[in-house]
């Protein structure tokens, strides 16, 4: 993981000089993009998150979370998610300490469904499978854990769009899914900045609903590099109470298009 982060940071000066279609990312909001990585391009989206604690959840850090994507063609994008999680723990013998490990690796894809036309949104389907054994011993799950979401986006003006997702997630321990939603208006700010506000949450059978809000900004260092800052707050006590995050995303062409 550290090697991947180092390679990405070393590549930034070269990527800043590139001139391509502006990078489109799934981060920093919870609403995943409805657009795919271009064919033959490899894209990395890396973030560092800090989460607060309450009576239900301990303090948590993601150091980092990394989404790697590759465009197979205009209809299919391959995806790999790796996340190093640190959770604050306590035992009488150790006192307070940080338990750090790799969360279950997720593999999946994004499939193009429809182009935007009038009120019809740009639409894609994302799915992943969390692999039970591909994790640190303390982070492993009991079974294959799928998740999916339909990602949609409507462009309101040249400077404003609304993204929204609907889907479900399984935690790898039970057969009961959490049904998820996101809603995120986004705004271009000048030529190189972008901002958004968002509402998101989940509903699970026999559990209390979870609802949160967040907001963030992003700066396009070039058409291939994007740096973001975000933060959010829970609207009830059954979610991590708040978070702050910083991230960097970059893409590079690894194979040429064939006519």
Protein backbone atom coordinates (compact mmCIF):
# COMPACT_ATOMS: atom_id res chain seq x y z
CA UNK A 1 0.00 0.00 0.00
CA UNK A 2 2.79 2.44 0.88
CA UNK A 3 4.53 1.65 -2.42
CA UNK A 4 1.36 2.43 -4.40
CA UNK A 5 0.95 5.75 -2.57
CA UNK A 6 4.60 6.66 -3.19
CA UNK A 7 4.37 5.85 -6.91
CA UNK A 8 1.23 7.95 -7.21
CA UNK A 9 2.84 10.94 -5.51
CA UNK A 10 5.98 10.64 -7.65
CA UNK A 11 3.82 10.60 -10.77
CA UNK A 12 1.97 13.83 -9.95
CA UNK A 13 4.47 16.26 -11.54
CA UNK A 14 4.31 14.35 -14.82
CA UNK A 15 0.51 14.09 -14.73
CA UNK A 16 0.03 17.80 -14.09
CA UNK A 17 1.49 18.48 -17.54
CA UNK A 18 -0.95 16.20 -19.35
CA UNK A 19 -3.87 17.61 -21.32
CA UNK A 20 -6.83 15.22 -21.53
CA UNK A 21 -10.52 15.09 -20.74
CA UNK A 22 -10.87 16.31 -17.11
CA UNK A 23 -10.66 13.55 -14.54
CA UNK A 24 -14.02 12.36 -13.16
CA UNK A 25 -13.89 10.70 -9.74
CA UNK A 26 -16.06 8.82 -7.26
CA UNK A 27 -14.56 10.72 -4.32
CA UNK A 28 -14.80 12.79 -2.20
CA UNK A 29 -18.58 12.50 -1.79
CA UNK A 30 -20.48 9.32 -1.01
CA UNK A 31 -22.27 9.56 -4.36
CA UNK A 32 -20.42 7.47 -6.93
CA UNK A 33 -19.98 8.91 -10.43
CA UNK A 34 -22.16 7.75 -13.32
CA UNK A 35 -19.22 8.08 -15.74
CA UNK A 36 -16.56 5.45 -16.48
CA UNK A 37 -12.80 5.78 -16.75
CA UNK A 38 -11.87 6.10 -20.45
CA UNK A 39 -10.70 2.99 -22.30
CA UNK A 40 -7.04 2.24 -21.69
CA UNK A 41 -6.72 4.59 -18.71
CA UNK A 42 -5.75 3.65 -15.15
CA UNK A 43 -7.07 5.83 -12.34
CA UNK A 44 -6.22 5.97 -8.63
CA UNK A 45 -8.39 7.70 -6.00
CA UNK A 46 -6.73 7.81 -2.60
CA UNK A 47 -8.10 9.32 0.61
CA UNK A 48 -7.17 9.75 4.25
CA UNK A 49 -10.14 9.93 6.64
CA UNK A 50 -10.57 10.62 10.34
CA UNK A 51 -13.86 9.67 12.03
CA UNK A 52 -15.09 10.78 15.44
CA UNK A 53 -16.49 8.47 18.12
CA UNK A 54 -19.68 8.15 20.16
CA UNK A 55 -21.24 5.57 22.46
CA UNK A 56 -21.83 3.21 19.53
CA UNK A 57 -18.62 3.60 17.49
CA UNK A 58 -14.95 3.99 18.43
CA UNK A 59 -12.68 6.59 16.84
CA UNK A 60 -11.53 5.45 13.41
CA UNK A 61 -8.99 6.38 10.72
CA UNK A 62 -8.59 5.22 7.13
CA UNK A 63 -4.91 5.44 6.23
CA UNK A 64 -5.50 5.26 3.32
CA UNK A 65 -8.47 4.06 1.32
CA UNK A 66 -7.59 3.46 -2.33
CA UNK A 67 -9.90 2.91 -5.29
CA UNK A 68 -8.09 1.70 -8.43
CA UNK A 69 -9.99 1.71 -11.73
CA UNK A 70 -9.21 0.63 -15.28
CA UNK A 71 -11.28 1.33 -18.39
CA UNK A 72 -11.80 -1.82 -20.48
CA UNK A 73 -14.04 -0.07 -23.01
CA UNK A 74 -16.83 2.51 -22.98
CA UNK A 75 -19.16 0.01 -21.27
CA UNK A 76 -16.97 -1.62 -18.56
CA UNK A 77 -14.67 -0.31 -15.86
CA UNK A 78 -12.79 -2.72 -13.55
CA UNK A 79 -12.47 -1.71 -9.88
CA UNK A 80 -10.35 -2.67 -6.85
CA UNK A 81 -10.82 -1.19 -3.36
CA UNK A 82 -8.20 -1.55 -0.61
CA UNK A 83 -8.57 0.16 2.77
CA UNK A 84 -6.24 0.26 5.76
CA UNK A 85 -8.33 0.93 8.85
CA UNK A 86 -7.17 1.96 12.33
CA UNK A 87 -9.68 1.71 15.18
CA UNK A 88 -9.06 3.02 18.69
CA UNK A 89 -9.38 0.14 21.16
CA UNK A 90 -8.91 -0.45 24.88
CA UNK A 91 -7.95 -3.41 27.04
CA UNK A 92 -6.93 -3.40 30.72
CA UNK A 93 -3.56 -4.87 29.77
CA UNK A 94 -2.73 -2.44 26.94
CA UNK A 95 -4.83 0.56 27.81
CA UNK A 96 -5.77 2.67 24.78
CA UNK A 97 -4.18 1.59 21.52
CA UNK A 98 -4.81 1.64 17.77
CA UNK A 99 -5.74 -1.64 16.08
CA UNK A 100 -4.68 -1.37 12.43
CA UNK A 101 -5.28 -3.75 9.55
CA UNK A 102 -6.45 -4.26 6.00
CA UNK A 103 -10.21 -4.39 5.55
CA UNK A 104 -11.60 -7.05 3.16
CA UNK A 105 -10.41 -6.29 -0.37
CA UNK A 106 -13.26 -5.48 -2.77
CA UNK A 107 -13.24 -6.35 -6.47
CA UNK A 108 -15.89 -5.29 -8.92
CA UNK A 109 -16.88 -3.27 -11.96
CA UNK A 110 -18.90 -0.33 -13.20
CA UNK A 111 -21.22 -0.97 -16.16
CA UNK A 112 -22.55 1.78 -18.41
CA UNK A 113 -26.34 1.63 -18.77
CA UNK A 114 -27.57 4.83 -20.46
CA UNK A 115 -26.39 8.18 -21.76
CA UNK A 116 -28.08 11.32 -20.49
CA UNK A 117 -30.85 12.60 -22.73
CA UNK A 118 -33.29 15.30 -21.65
CA UNK A 119 -34.51 14.36 -18.17
CA UNK A 120 -33.07 10.83 -18.49
CA UNK A 121 -29.95 10.73 -16.32
CA UNK A 122 -26.52 9.43 -17.14
CA UNK A 123 -26.77 5.97 -15.56
CA UNK A 124 -24.38 3.20 -14.57
CA UNK A 125 -24.36 0.16 -12.27
CA UNK A 126 -21.53 -0.44 -9.79
CA UNK A 127 -21.02 -3.74 -7.97
CA UNK A 128 -18.30 -5.14 -5.72
CA UNK A 129 -17.62 -8.29 -3.74
CA UNK A 130 -15.72 -8.05 -0.44
CA UNK A 131 -13.47 -11.12 -0.16
CA UNK A 132 -13.60 -12.73 3.32
CA UNK A 133 -10.01 -13.99 3.56
CA UNK A 134 -8.28 -11.11 1.80
CA UNK A 135 -8.01 -9.02 4.96
CA UNK A 136 -6.05 -8.78 8.18
CA UNK A 137 -7.08 -11.46 10.72
CA UNK A 138 -8.96 -8.98 12.93
CA UNK A 139 -10.82 -7.47 9.93
CA UNK A 140 -12.05 -10.64 8.23
CA UNK A 141 -15.71 -11.32 7.52
CA UNK A 142 -17.60 -14.63 7.54
CA UNK A 143 -18.81 -14.75 3.95
CA UNK A 144 -18.62 -13.09 0.56
CA UNK A 145 -20.15 -9.62 0.95
CA UNK A 146 -21.67 -8.07 -2.19
CA UNK A 147 -22.76 -4.50 -2.69
CA UNK A 148 -24.30 -2.69 -5.62
CA UNK A 149 -25.68 0.71 -6.52
CA UNK A 150 -27.24 2.43 -9.49
CA UNK A 151 -25.44 5.73 -10.07
CA UNK A 152 -27.31 8.54 -11.84
CA UNK A 153 -26.56 12.13 -12.77
CA UNK A 154 -28.62 14.95 -14.28
CA UNK A 155 -26.92 18.07 -15.61
CA UNK A 156 -29.01 21.12 -14.70
CA UNK A 157 -26.71 23.75 -16.28
CA UNK A 158 -23.12 23.79 -17.53
CA UNK A 159 -22.05 24.62 -13.98
CA UNK A 160 -24.43 22.46 -11.92
CA UNK A 161 -25.33 18.77 -11.79
CA UNK A 162 -27.17 16.50 -9.38
CA UNK A 163 -25.84 13.02 -8.64
CA UNK A 164 -27.76 10.35 -6.79
CA UNK A 165 -27.33 6.66 -5.96
CA UNK A 166 -29.62 3.83 -4.86
CA UNK A 167 -28.41 0.38 -3.87
CA UNK A 168 -27.70 -2.17 -1.15
CA UNK A 169 -24.76 -3.46 0.88
CA UNK A 170 -24.16 -6.68 2.83
CA UNK A 171 -21.74 -6.69 5.78
CA UNK A 172 -20.38 -10.24 5.42
CA UNK A 173 -21.89 -11.44 8.70
CA UNK A 174 -25.65 -11.56 8.06
CA UNK A 175 -27.94 -12.04 5.08
CA UNK A 176 -29.76 -8.76 5.74
CA UNK A 177 -28.82 -5.91 3.40
CA UNK A 178 -28.59 -2.23 4.23
CA UNK A 179 -30.45 -0.22 1.57
CA UNK A 180 -28.48 2.91 0.76
CA UNK A 181 -29.22 6.27 -0.82
CA UNK A 182 -27.22 9.40 -1.69
CA UNK A 183 -28.19 12.80 -3.11
CA UNK A 184 -25.51 15.33 -4.04
CA UNK A 185 -25.89 18.63 -5.94
CA UNK A 186 -22.49 19.69 -7.31
CA UNK A 187 -21.25 23.05 -8.60
CA UNK A 188 -18.34 24.21 -10.74
CA UNK A 189 -16.54 27.15 -9.14
CA UNK A 190 -14.54 28.94 -11.79
CA UNK A 191 -12.34 26.88 -14.09
CA UNK A 192 -10.48 24.72 -11.58
CA UNK A 193 -12.69 24.30 -8.49
CA UNK A 194 -15.69 22.15 -7.69
CA UNK A 195 -17.96 21.99 -4.65
CA UNK A 196 -20.87 19.87 -3.42
CA UNK A 197 -23.32 19.33 -0.59
CA UNK A 198 -24.82 15.92 0.10
CA UNK A 199 -27.32 13.89 2.07
CA UNK A 200 -26.80 10.14 2.41
CA UNK A 201 -27.78 7.21 4.57
CA UNK A 202 -29.08 3.68 4.87
CA UNK A 203 -32.07 1.69 6.07
CA UNK A 204 -31.79 -1.87 7.40
CA UNK A 205 -34.48 -4.25 8.61
CA UNK A 206 -34.94 -4.19 12.40
CA UNK A 207 -32.36 -1.39 12.72
CA UNK A 208 -32.75 2.35 13.13
CA UNK A 209 -32.19 4.39 9.92
CA UNK A 210 -28.85 6.13 9.52
CA UNK A 211 -28.72 9.59 7.97
CA UNK A 212 -25.81 12.01 7.46
CA UNK A 213 -24.86 15.17 5.59
CA UNK A 214 -21.53 16.33 4.22
CA UNK A 215 -19.88 18.84 1.92
CA UNK A 216 -16.57 19.32 0.18
CA UNK A 217 -14.45 21.10 -2.38
CA UNK A 218 -11.98 19.88 -4.99
CA UNK A 219 -9.22 21.53 -6.98
CA UNK A 220 -8.20 20.36 -10.46
CA UNK A 221 -4.43 20.67 -10.51
CA UNK A 222 -4.66 19.55 -14.14
CA UNK A 223 -7.04 17.60 -16.30
CA UNK A 224 -5.50 14.41 -14.84
CA UNK A 225 -5.05 15.34 -11.16
CA UNK A 226 -7.66 16.33 -8.57
CA UNK A 227 -7.17 17.17 -4.88
CA UNK A 228 -10.15 17.19 -2.51
CA UNK A 229 -11.17 18.18 1.01
CA UNK A 230 -14.43 17.13 2.68
CA UNK A 231 -16.22 16.67 5.97
CA UNK A 232 -19.55 15.43 7.25
CA UNK A 233 -21.81 15.02 10.27
CA UNK A 234 -24.36 12.41 11.34
CA UNK A 235 -27.98 13.38 11.89
CA UNK A 236 -28.57 10.69 14.53
CA UNK A 237 -26.58 8.66 17.06
CA UNK A 238 -26.38 5.40 15.09
CA UNK A 239 -23.63 6.49 12.69
CA UNK A 240 -20.04 7.65 13.13
CA UNK A 241 -20.73 11.21 14.37
CA UNK A 242 -18.41 13.15 12.06
CA UNK A 243 -15.54 12.81 9.62
CA UNK A 244 -12.94 14.89 7.82
CA UNK A 245 -10.99 13.73 4.77
CA UNK A 246 -8.36 14.77 2.26
CA UNK A 247 -7.66 12.96 -0.99
CA UNK A 248 -5.83 12.95 -4.28
CA UNK A 249 -6.90 11.33 -7.55
CA UNK A 250 -4.89 10.86 -10.74
CA UNK A 251 -5.22 9.05 -14.05
CA UNK A 252 -2.75 7.99 -16.71
CA UNK A 253 -3.05 6.30 -20.07
CA UNK A 254 -1.52 2.84 -20.08
CA UNK A 255 -2.66 1.61 -23.48
CA UNK A 256 -3.44 3.44 -26.70
CA UNK A 257 -6.87 3.35 -28.31
CA UNK A 258 -7.12 1.29 -31.50
CA UNK A 259 -9.21 2.54 -34.38
